[in-house]
Amino acid sequence: MSDFARPQLMRPRYRLQREQRLARPVDEVFAFFADAANLERLTPATRR
């Protein structure tokens, strides 16, 4: 059987999309996420 006729086994693809709107100026939000000192505040307690 040629490669062309052989069915391809493919893993299913998944896409997780998330959107969250913040009532803050972009500069303020960017500064918060850019500061590594805020990682602990962002990390769930079960992952610390």
C-alpha atoms as a PDB file:
ATOM      1  CA  MET A   1       0.000   0.000   0.000  1.00  0.00           C
ATOM      2  CA  SER A   2       1.440   3.381  -0.920  1.00  0.00           C
ATOM      3  CA  ASP A   3       1.931   6.090   1.714  1.00  0.00           C
ATOM      4  CA  PHE A   4      -0.723   8.151  -0.041  1.00  0.00           C
ATOM      5  CA  ALA A   5      -3.423   5.488   0.370  1.00  0.00           C
ATOM      6  CA  ARG A   6      -2.513   4.632   3.977  1.00  0.00           C
ATOM      7  CA  PRO A   7      -4.787   6.336   6.519  1.00  0.00           C
ATOM      8  CA  GLN A   8      -2.918   8.732   8.775  1.00  0.00           C
ATOM      9  CA  LEU A   9      -3.211   8.315  12.510  1.00  0.00           C
ATOM     10  CA  MET A  10      -3.554  11.732  14.029  1.00  0.00           C
ATOM     11  CA  ARG A  11      -3.944  12.784  17.601  1.00  0.00           C
ATOM     12  CA  PRO A  12      -6.978  14.944  18.257  1.00  0.00           C
ATOM     13  CA  ARG A  13      -6.244  18.643  18.595  1.00  0.00           C
ATOM     14  CA  TYR A  14      -7.661  20.714  21.391  1.00  0.00           C
ATOM     15  CA  ARG A  15      -7.692  24.462  21.825  1.00  0.00           C
ATOM     16  CA  LEU A  16      -8.437  26.214  25.081  1.00  0.00           C
ATOM     17  CA  GLN A  17      -9.360  29.843  24.671  1.00  0.00           C
ATOM     18  CA  ARG A  18      -9.924  32.253  27.510  1.00  0.00           C
ATOM     19  CA  GLU A  19     -10.751  35.926  27.546  1.00  0.00           C
ATOM     20  CA  GLN A  20     -10.915  38.186  30.529  1.00  0.00           C
ATOM     21  CA  ARG A  21     -11.505  41.906  30.472  1.00  0.00           C
ATOM     22  CA  LEU A  22      -9.868  44.052  33.088  1.00  0.00           C
ATOM     23  CA  ALA A  23     -11.215  47.462  34.033  1.00  0.00           C
ATOM     24  CA  ARG A  24      -7.706  48.913  34.226  1.00  0.00           C
ATOM     25  CA  PRO A  25      -5.493  50.869  31.844  1.00  0.00           C
ATOM     26  CA  VAL A  26      -3.301  48.713  29.600  1.00  0.00           C
ATOM     27  CA  ASP A  27      -0.105  50.262  31.001  1.00  0.00           C
ATOM     28  CA  GLU A  28      -1.074  49.306  34.554  1.00  0.00           C
ATOM     29  CA  VAL A  29      -2.006  45.733  33.617  1.00  0.00           C
ATOM     30  CA  PHE A  30       1.142  45.234  31.552  1.00  0.00           C
ATOM     31  CA  ALA A  31       3.327  46.546  34.384  1.00  0.00           C
ATOM     32  CA  PHE A  32       1.690  44.109  36.817  1.00  0.00           C
ATOM     33  CA  PHE A  33       2.286  41.046  34.611  1.00  0.00           C
ATOM     34  CA  ALA A  34       5.782  42.192  33.648  1.00  0.00           C
ATOM     35  CA  ASP A  35       6.911  42.274  37.292  1.00  0.00           C
ATOM     36  CA  ALA A  36       8.162  38.820  38.362  1.00  0.00           C
ATOM     37  CA  ALA A  37       7.478  39.758  41.986  1.00  0.00           C
ATOM     38  CA  ASN A  38       3.753  39.317  41.230  1.00  0.00           C
ATOM     39  CA  LEU A  39       4.102  35.645  40.247  1.00  0.00           C
ATOM     40  CA  GLU A  40       3.281  34.458  43.748  1.00  0.00           C
ATOM     41  CA  ARG A  41       0.075  36.517  43.725  1.00  0.00           C
ATOM     42  CA  LEU A  42      -0.919  34.911  40.415  1.00  0.00           C
ATOM     43  CA  THR A  43      -0.059  31.331  41.385  1.00  0.00           C
ATOM     44  CA  PRO A  44      -2.859  29.322  43.025  1.00  0.00           C
ATOM     45  CA  ALA A  45      -2.061  28.250  46.594  1.00  0.00           C
ATOM     46  CA  THR A  46      -2.209  24.580  45.550  1.00  0.00           C
ATOM     47  CA  ARG A  47       0.678  25.183  43.102  1.00  0.00           C
ATOM     48  CA  ARG A  48       3.050  27.087  45.394  1.00  0.00           C
END
